[in-house]
Amino acid sequence: MFRYGVLFLFSLLWAQGSVTATEPSLQVCGPNGTVSVTVFNTGSSPLTGVQLAVQMPPGVEYVPGTVSPGTVTEVSTTPANQPVFGVPDLPPNSIMDITFRVRATCDVIPFLSDENNEVRNTYTLTWSGGGSASYTSAAEYPITQPSLQYLSIDNQNFSASTLPEIFMRTFTVTNAGTAPLSLFRHTETAGSSVTIVSSSGGTVITHTAHNLVLEFSGSDFGSNNLFDPGETVTFTVTYQVTSCNAATSNFSLTWGCYSQTCQTVNETGGVDFASLIPNLNHYKFSYIQESSCYGDAPANANHGRLLIKNIGLGPAKDIEVDLYVTFWPPDVYDGVSSYDRIDTNSITLKIGSGGTPLPRVITSAQSGTVHSCFTATDVVKN
C-alpha cells in the first residue's frame, strides 16, 4: 500500500493542468456570444476526472446544449451563470479547445449599474487527486444595453376648449442606450372620461376604450430591423374627452427578453379644463326695504336683487341657488320681533338685465314664519 501511494503521488507531481479563455462582447437581450476556453495538460501524466467550472457575472447565462466538442458534457447548468462541464481525460502535453454560447439577460443590469463590479469570468479546472488551476479574465469584457425614453409627447397635457372634444397625442421614443433593441411596447391606460379612439404606428396588441398596447419591432425600425442607439420612433394616438371627472392617462415603455422585463419607463398625461371651468364666486345683492307688512301691501314689501357673475373661463351649467333670509332691519314688523317669508311666485330669473325670463324650477321650500301680518294666500315661503 505504501509503495502504491508513493507511485500515485509521483504521478500527480508530473501532471500539470492550466486554463485560459477569451470572452465576447455582449448586448443585453442581444445575440448570443461565444466563449472560447483552452485547457492544457503540460505534465507527463494524463489528467483524469477533469471538470471545468465557470463563474460569470449574474445575468450572463450559459445557453444549454451549446458546449463543444461533443465529448465535453454538461455536469451542471444551474445556476445559469455557473455551469460545470465534464472534460475527457487529457493525455500528457495535450491541449483541448472548448467553446460554449452565453447571453446577457435583464439580471445583469443591476450588476452593471454598480461601478465597483467588474465584468470578468473565472474558470477553474480540476482533476482527480485534488489538482486544480484557475484563470480570471485578463480584462473586463463589454456588455452594452438599450435604454428607452419618451423623447417628447405632444399634447401630454391637453387643454380642452369644449366637451366632448377629440384630440391627438404624438409620441416620440428614442433609444438612448448603447445597444440596439429588437422589440418594445407602449402601454397606456386612460381615465373614465377619456376614450382611446384609435392609433397610428406599431402593431396593436390590445385596444379597448381605456387601454392600449402597441408593439414595435422589425419594419417599425431602420433598414436592419433593429432600434439602434440614437434612433427614434414616432406614433400617434387619438382620444375623445367627454367630461372632467377622470382624465388622467398613464403611459409606459417596456422591453425585455427571456420572460423578463429589463426596463419600464413611466409617464403621465392629462387634460386641462381651465378654459371650461366657471367661477360664480362674484355676486352682488341689493334690496329696497319694505314700507309695510306684506299682507297689507305686497307691492311695498322688501324687493331684493341678486346679481351673479361668471368670472371663469368656462360656461356654468345646472346652477342651483339657495335663497334664505338671514337678517332684517329692526322695527320692520312690530318693533319687537321680525318675521320673514320669501314669495316664491315673485322670483324671476334672467340672463342679463334685459333678458327674457327663464323657467323657474323650485326644488324645495320650507314654510315661513306664522304671523297675522301675512294675510295673503300661503304661497310665501322662506
Protein backbone atom coordinates (compact mmCIF):
# COMPACT_ATOMS: atom_id res chain seq x y z
CA MET A 1 0.00 0.00 0.00
CA PHE A 2 2.79 2.39 0.84
CA ARG A 3 4.56 1.71 -2.43
CA TYR A 4 1.33 2.34 -4.40
CA GLY A 5 0.74 5.63 -2.59
CA VAL A 6 4.22 6.87 -3.40
CA LEU A 7 3.81 5.98 -7.07
CA PHE A 8 0.41 7.78 -7.20
CA LEU A 9 1.87 10.92 -5.63
CA PHE A 10 4.78 10.83 -8.02
CA SER A 11 2.36 10.62 -10.94
CA LEU A 12 0.39 13.70 -9.71
CA LEU A 13 3.54 15.75 -9.43
CA TRP A 14 4.12 15.21 -13.13
CA ALA A 15 0.50 16.05 -14.09
CA GLN A 16 0.01 19.78 -14.56
CA GLY A 17 -3.18 21.41 -15.84
CA SER A 18 -3.90 25.03 -16.79
CA VAL A 19 -6.65 27.01 -18.47
CA THR A 20 -7.11 30.27 -20.42
CA ALA A 21 -10.16 31.83 -22.08
CA THR A 22 -11.48 34.70 -24.17
CA GLU A 23 -14.94 36.27 -23.88
CA PRO A 24 -17.18 38.00 -26.45
CA SER A 25 -18.79 41.40 -26.34
CA LEU A 26 -22.44 41.04 -25.33
CA GLN A 27 -25.64 43.04 -25.63
CA VAL A 28 -28.46 42.76 -23.11
CA CYS A 29 -31.22 40.86 -24.94
CA GLY A 30 -28.96 40.74 -27.96
CA PRO A 31 -27.35 37.87 -29.89
CA ASN A 32 -25.61 35.02 -28.08
CA GLY A 33 -21.82 35.24 -27.83
CA THR A 34 -19.18 32.52 -27.88
CA VAL A 35 -16.74 31.89 -25.04
CA SER A 36 -13.54 30.10 -26.08
CA VAL A 37 -11.63 28.12 -23.44
CA THR A 38 -8.33 26.27 -23.84
CA VAL A 39 -7.30 23.66 -21.27
CA PHE A 40 -3.75 22.27 -21.08
CA ASN A 41 -2.01 19.29 -19.61
CA THR A 42 1.63 20.32 -19.56
CA GLY A 43 2.71 17.39 -17.44
CA SER A 44 3.98 13.94 -18.31
CA SER A 45 0.99 12.11 -16.81
CA PRO A 46 -2.62 12.13 -18.02
CA LEU A 47 -5.28 14.26 -16.32
CA THR A 48 -8.35 12.20 -15.41
CA GLY A 49 -11.69 13.11 -13.86
CA VAL A 50 -11.35 16.59 -15.35
CA GLN A 51 -14.04 19.23 -14.82
CA LEU A 52 -14.27 22.84 -15.89
CA ALA A 53 -16.32 25.22 -13.68
CA VAL A 54 -17.14 28.70 -14.97
CA GLN A 55 -18.17 31.65 -12.80
CA MET A 56 -19.79 34.52 -14.77
CA PRO A 57 -21.49 37.75 -13.59
CA PRO A 58 -25.15 37.35 -12.58
CA GLY A 59 -27.32 37.72 -15.67
CA VAL A 60 -24.66 36.34 -18.02
CA GLU A 61 -26.01 32.86 -18.70
CA TYR A 62 -24.80 29.71 -20.35
CA VAL A 63 -27.06 28.66 -23.23
CA PRO A 64 -27.83 24.97 -22.60
CA GLY A 65 -26.74 22.49 -25.24
CA THR A 66 -24.12 24.73 -26.86
CA VAL A 67 -20.88 23.36 -25.42
CA SER A 68 -18.45 21.91 -27.98
CA PRO A 69 -16.89 19.48 -28.78
CA GLY A 70 -19.42 16.77 -28.11
CA THR A 71 -17.04 14.91 -25.82
CA VAL A 72 -17.50 17.70 -23.24
CA THR A 73 -20.58 17.11 -21.10
CA GLU A 74 -22.84 19.31 -19.00
CA VAL A 75 -22.36 18.36 -15.37
CA SER A 76 -24.46 21.27 -14.06
CA THR A 77 -26.22 24.20 -15.70
CA THR A 78 -27.80 25.65 -12.57
CA PRO A 79 -27.40 28.46 -11.78
CA ALA A 80 -27.09 29.51 -15.39
CA ASN A 81 -24.11 31.79 -14.74
CA GLN A 82 -22.13 28.97 -13.09
CA PRO A 83 -22.03 25.98 -15.48
CA VAL A 84 -19.83 22.99 -14.81
CA PHE A 85 -18.55 20.81 -17.67
CA GLY A 86 -17.07 17.34 -17.73
CA VAL A 87 -13.88 17.24 -19.80
CA PRO A 88 -12.44 14.00 -21.23
CA ASP A 89 -9.09 12.76 -19.93
CA LEU A 90 -6.20 14.87 -21.12
CA PRO A 91 -3.09 12.96 -22.25
CA PRO A 92 0.33 14.35 -21.30
CA ASN A 93 1.35 17.52 -23.10
CA SER A 94 -2.08 17.92 -24.69
CA ILE A 95 -4.36 20.87 -25.41
CA MET A 96 -8.13 20.93 -25.79
CA ASP A 97 -10.24 23.82 -27.10
CA ILE A 98 -13.75 24.18 -25.71
CA THR A 99 -16.44 26.65 -26.79
CA PHE A 100 -19.90 27.44 -25.48
CA ARG A 101 -22.51 30.13 -26.01
CA VAL A 102 -23.63 32.73 -23.48
CA ARG A 103 -26.24 35.52 -23.39
CA ALA A 104 -26.81 38.68 -21.35
CA THR A 105 -30.23 38.83 -19.67
CA CYS A 106 -32.07 41.52 -17.71
CA ASP A 107 -30.49 40.25 -14.48
CA VAL A 108 -27.11 41.66 -15.50
CA ILE A 109 -28.37 45.28 -15.49
CA PRO A 110 -28.22 45.81 -11.69
CA PHE A 111 -24.72 44.30 -11.73
CA LEU A 112 -23.64 46.72 -14.45
CA SER A 113 -25.11 49.70 -12.59
CA ASP A 114 -22.64 49.22 -9.71
CA GLU A 115 -19.38 50.77 -10.84
CA ASN A 116 -17.49 48.67 -8.30
CA ASN A 117 -18.36 45.45 -10.14
CA GLU A 118 -16.05 44.07 -12.80
CA VAL A 119 -17.30 42.11 -15.80
CA ARG A 120 -14.92 39.16 -15.71
CA ASN A 121 -15.22 35.37 -15.72
CA THR A 122 -13.32 32.89 -13.58
CA TYR A 123 -12.53 29.42 -14.94
CA THR A 124 -11.49 26.63 -12.61
CA LEU A 125 -10.05 23.36 -13.93
CA THR A 126 -9.99 20.40 -11.53
CA TRP A 127 -8.85 16.79 -11.92
CA SER A 128 -8.57 13.61 -9.93
CA GLY A 129 -6.22 13.64 -6.99
CA GLY A 130 -7.13 17.16 -5.88
CA GLY A 131 -5.31 19.13 -8.53
CA SER A 132 -6.73 22.45 -9.77
CA ALA A 133 -5.89 25.51 -11.82
CA SER A 134 -7.84 28.72 -12.35
CA TYR A 135 -7.91 31.70 -14.66
CA THR A 136 -9.73 35.03 -14.41
CA SER A 137 -10.36 37.26 -17.44
CA ALA A 138 -7.37 39.49 -18.02
CA ALA A 139 -9.65 42.43 -18.82
CA GLU A 140 -13.32 43.24 -18.49
CA TYR A 141 -15.45 42.37 -21.49
CA PRO A 142 -18.12 44.86 -22.64
CA ILE A 143 -21.85 44.37 -22.10
CA THR A 144 -23.97 47.10 -23.70
CA GLN A 145 -27.67 47.71 -23.17
CA PRO A 146 -30.59 49.60 -24.73
CA SER A 147 -32.32 52.39 -22.81
CA LEU A 148 -35.71 53.73 -23.87
CA GLN A 149 -37.00 57.26 -23.30
CA TYR A 150 -40.07 59.26 -24.24
CA LEU A 151 -38.23 62.00 -26.10
CA SER A 152 -41.44 64.03 -26.38
CA ILE A 153 -45.22 63.70 -26.02
CA ASP A 154 -47.17 66.38 -27.88
CA ASN A 155 -50.37 67.35 -26.05
CA GLN A 156 -49.15 65.45 -22.99
CA ASN A 157 -51.36 67.84 -21.02
CA PHE A 158 -54.09 68.78 -23.47
CA SER A 159 -56.12 71.99 -22.97
CA ALA A 160 -59.78 71.28 -23.65
CA SER A 161 -61.90 74.07 -25.15
CA THR A 162 -65.23 72.25 -25.25
CA LEU A 163 -66.83 68.96 -24.24
CA PRO A 164 -66.83 66.46 -25.78
CA GLU A 165 -63.64 67.07 -27.78
CA ILE A 166 -61.37 64.97 -29.99
CA PHE A 167 -57.60 65.43 -29.64
CA MET A 168 -54.39 63.65 -30.59
CA ARG A 169 -51.09 62.93 -28.88
CA THR A 170 -47.86 62.36 -30.83
CA PHE A 171 -45.26 60.23 -29.04
CA THR A 172 -41.58 60.19 -29.95
CA VAL A 173 -39.49 57.41 -28.41
CA THR A 174 -35.71 57.16 -28.62
CA ASN A 175 -33.11 54.54 -27.78
CA ALA A 176 -30.73 56.43 -25.52
CA GLY A 177 -28.68 53.34 -24.70
CA THR A 178 -25.58 51.73 -26.16
CA ALA A 179 -27.11 48.62 -27.77
CA PRO A 180 -29.86 48.01 -30.34
CA LEU A 181 -33.24 46.60 -29.43
CA SER A 182 -35.42 44.24 -31.42
CA LEU A 183 -38.79 44.90 -29.75
CA PHE A 184 -40.52 47.18 -27.25
CA ARG A 185 -44.06 48.00 -26.18
CA HIS A 186 -46.01 51.16 -25.39
CA THR A 187 -48.87 50.67 -22.94
CA GLU A 188 -51.39 53.22 -21.75
CA THR A 189 -54.50 53.41 -19.60
CA ALA A 190 -56.94 56.31 -19.67
CA GLY A 191 -59.36 57.60 -17.07
CA SER A 192 -63.10 57.07 -17.42
CA SER A 193 -63.69 60.43 -19.11
CA VAL A 194 -61.06 59.83 -21.82
CA THR A 195 -61.76 57.32 -24.59
CA ILE A 196 -58.90 55.94 -26.70
CA VAL A 197 -60.32 56.21 -30.22
CA SER A 198 -57.52 54.99 -32.48
CA SER A 199 -53.76 54.82 -33.02
CA SER A 200 -51.26 55.01 -35.86
CA GLY A 201 -47.90 53.25 -35.76
CA GLY A 202 -46.76 49.91 -34.38
CA THR A 203 -48.87 46.77 -34.04
CA VAL A 204 -51.99 46.87 -31.89
CA ILE A 205 -51.84 44.14 -29.25
CA THR A 206 -54.74 45.41 -27.10
CA HIS A 207 -57.28 48.18 -27.72
CA THR A 208 -60.26 48.93 -25.50
CA ALA A 209 -61.95 52.20 -24.64
CA HIS A 210 -59.46 52.90 -21.87
CA ASN A 211 -56.48 50.62 -22.59
CA LEU A 212 -53.99 50.42 -25.44
CA VAL A 213 -50.91 48.24 -26.02
CA LEU A 214 -48.73 48.85 -29.10
CA GLU A 215 -45.76 46.70 -30.08
CA PHE A 216 -42.83 47.95 -32.18
CA SER A 217 -40.41 45.63 -33.97
CA GLY A 218 -38.87 44.77 -37.32
CA SER A 219 -40.08 47.12 -40.05
CA ASP A 220 -41.04 49.78 -37.46
CA PHE A 221 -37.29 50.43 -37.18
CA GLY A 222 -34.49 51.12 -39.66
CA SER A 223 -33.24 49.00 -42.54
CA ASN A 224 -31.60 46.49 -40.18
CA ASN A 225 -34.94 45.93 -38.38
CA LEU A 226 -33.34 46.97 -35.08
CA PHE A 227 -33.97 50.01 -32.89
CA ASP A 228 -30.43 51.33 -32.87
CA PRO A 229 -28.92 53.74 -30.33
CA GLY A 230 -29.97 57.30 -31.20
CA GLU A 231 -32.82 56.15 -33.43
CA THR A 232 -36.36 57.50 -32.88
CA VAL A 233 -39.85 56.10 -33.47
CA THR A 234 -42.94 58.31 -33.70
CA PHE A 235 -46.58 57.25 -33.36
CA THR A 236 -49.93 58.92 -32.65
CA VAL A 237 -52.97 58.13 -30.51
CA THR A 238 -56.37 59.81 -30.88
CA TYR A 239 -58.68 60.38 -27.91
CA GLN A 240 -62.07 61.85 -27.02
CA VAL A 241 -62.54 63.61 -23.70
CA THR A 242 -66.15 63.70 -22.54
CA SER A 243 -66.04 65.16 -19.02
CA CYS A 244 -63.66 66.49 -16.39
CA ASN A 245 -64.17 63.74 -13.82
CA ALA A 246 -61.23 61.38 -14.53
CA ALA A 247 -58.96 62.48 -17.36
CA THR A 248 -55.51 61.22 -16.35
CA SER A 249 -53.64 58.83 -18.65
CA ASN A 250 -50.69 56.63 -17.70
CA PHE A 251 -48.05 55.70 -20.30
CA SER A 252 -45.24 53.15 -20.09
CA LEU A 253 -42.45 51.79 -22.30
CA THR A 254 -41.21 48.26 -21.64
CA TRP A 255 -38.66 45.91 -23.15
CA GLY A 256 -37.06 42.67 -22.11
CA CYS A 257 -36.29 39.08 -23.06
CA TYR A 258 -36.48 35.51 -21.79
CA SER A 259 -39.76 36.25 -19.95
CA GLN A 260 -38.12 39.14 -18.09
CA THR A 261 -38.75 42.89 -18.19
CA CYS A 262 -35.48 44.79 -18.35
CA GLN A 263 -36.78 48.36 -18.22
CA THR A 264 -40.04 50.21 -17.60
CA VAL A 265 -40.35 53.93 -18.34
CA ASN A 266 -43.43 55.69 -16.94
CA GLU A 267 -45.05 58.99 -17.90
CA THR A 268 -48.47 60.55 -17.29
CA GLY A 269 -50.77 62.73 -19.34
CA GLY A 270 -53.77 64.83 -18.50
CA VAL A 271 -56.41 67.22 -19.74
CA ASP A 272 -56.50 70.86 -18.62
CA PHE A 273 -60.04 72.13 -18.18
CA ALA A 274 -59.11 75.70 -17.18
CA SER A 275 -60.87 77.14 -20.24
CA LEU A 276 -64.02 75.22 -19.28
CA ILE A 277 -64.20 75.98 -15.55
CA PRO A 278 -66.78 78.57 -14.47
CA ASN A 279 -66.35 80.79 -11.43
CA LEU A 280 -69.52 82.15 -9.84
CA ASN A 281 -67.80 83.49 -6.75
CA HIS A 282 -68.71 87.04 -7.74
CA TYR A 283 -72.13 88.38 -6.76
CA LYS A 284 -73.95 91.47 -5.58
CA PHE A 285 -77.15 91.75 -3.56
CA SER A 286 -79.34 94.85 -3.37
CA TYR A 287 -82.81 95.43 -1.95
CA ILE A 288 -85.50 98.06 -1.38
CA GLN A 289 -86.63 97.98 2.24
CA GLU A 290 -90.29 97.29 2.73
CA SER A 291 -92.58 100.08 3.93
CA SER A 292 -95.44 97.95 5.23
CA CYS A 293 -96.39 94.44 6.14
CA TYR A 294 -96.63 92.07 3.19
CA GLY A 295 -100.25 91.33 3.93
CA ASP A 296 -101.18 95.00 3.87
CA ALA A 297 -99.36 95.96 0.67
CA PRO A 298 -97.41 93.22 -1.12
CA ALA A 299 -96.14 95.73 -3.67
CA ASN A 300 -94.38 97.59 -0.86
CA ALA A 301 -92.68 94.52 0.56
CA ASN A 302 -88.90 94.13 0.51
CA HIS A 303 -87.59 93.64 -3.03
CA GLY A 304 -84.22 92.01 -3.44
CA ARG A 305 -81.99 91.54 -6.46
CA LEU A 306 -79.13 89.03 -6.61
CA LEU A 307 -76.62 89.54 -9.40
CA ILE A 308 -74.40 86.51 -10.10
CA LYS A 309 -71.49 86.94 -12.50
CA ASN A 310 -69.44 84.15 -14.08
CA ILE A 311 -65.85 85.37 -13.95
CA GLY A 312 -64.42 81.98 -15.01
CA LEU A 313 -63.37 80.85 -18.48
CA GLY A 314 -66.00 78.16 -18.97
CA PRO A 315 -69.79 78.16 -19.01
CA ALA A 316 -71.71 77.33 -15.83
CA LYS A 317 -74.39 74.66 -16.17
CA ASP A 318 -77.03 73.20 -13.85
CA ILE A 319 -76.78 76.15 -11.46
CA GLU A 320 -78.51 75.84 -8.09
CA VAL A 321 -79.14 78.84 -5.85
CA ASP A 322 -80.27 78.66 -2.21
CA LEU A 323 -82.28 81.70 -1.12
CA TYR A 324 -82.89 82.39 2.56
CA VAL A 325 -83.32 85.32 4.91
CA THR A 326 -80.59 85.87 7.47
CA PHE A 327 -81.28 89.44 8.66
CA TRP A 328 -83.95 92.09 8.53
CA PRO A 329 -83.65 95.70 9.73
CA PRO A 330 -85.14 96.33 13.17
CA ASP A 331 -88.68 97.66 13.65
CA VAL A 332 -89.81 96.16 10.36
CA TYR A 333 -92.91 94.48 11.68
CA ASP A 334 -93.90 95.23 15.21
CA GLY A 335 -90.78 96.82 16.54
CA VAL A 336 -90.00 93.81 18.71
CA SER A 337 -89.77 90.62 16.63
CA SER A 338 -89.07 90.12 12.95
CA TYR A 339 -90.90 87.63 10.79
CA ASP A 340 -89.88 86.57 7.32
CA ARG A 341 -91.05 84.78 4.26
CA ILE A 342 -89.99 84.71 0.60
CA ASP A 343 -92.69 84.96 -2.02
CA THR A 344 -91.67 82.18 -4.37
CA ASN A 345 -94.10 83.43 -7.02
CA SER A 346 -92.16 86.66 -7.21
CA ILE A 347 -88.85 85.02 -8.14
CA THR A 348 -87.74 85.70 -11.70
CA LEU A 349 -84.57 84.57 -13.49
CA LYS A 350 -82.87 86.40 -16.34
CA ILE A 351 -79.57 86.34 -18.19
CA GLY A 352 -78.60 89.99 -18.42
CA SER A 353 -80.75 92.91 -17.31
CA GLY A 354 -82.84 92.86 -20.46
CA GLY A 355 -83.04 89.13 -20.92
CA THR A 356 -86.19 87.08 -21.28
CA PRO A 357 -87.34 85.46 -18.01
CA LEU A 358 -86.15 81.86 -17.74
CA PRO A 359 -88.14 78.91 -16.42
CA ARG A 360 -88.18 78.85 -12.65
CA VAL A 361 -87.66 75.44 -11.02
CA ILE A 362 -88.02 75.33 -7.25
CA THR A 363 -86.79 72.02 -5.93
CA SER A 364 -87.73 72.57 -2.28
CA ALA A 365 -89.18 75.22 0.04
CA GLN A 366 -89.83 75.45 3.77
CA SER A 367 -92.84 77.12 5.41
CA GLY A 368 -92.27 80.63 6.67
CA THR A 369 -92.98 82.25 10.00
CA VAL A 370 -96.61 82.16 11.11
CA HIS A 371 -97.83 85.66 11.88
CA SER A 372 -101.01 87.64 11.35
CA CYS A 373 -99.03 90.10 9.29
CA PHE A 374 -99.00 87.52 6.50
CA THR A 375 -102.63 87.58 5.44
CA ALA A 376 -102.05 86.66 1.83
CA THR A 377 -102.57 83.15 0.49
CA ASP A 378 -99.82 80.91 1.78
CA VAL A 379 -97.65 80.85 -1.31
CA VAL A 380 -94.97 82.67 0.61
CA LYS A 381 -92.06 80.53 1.80
CA ASN A 382 -88.72 81.08 3.38
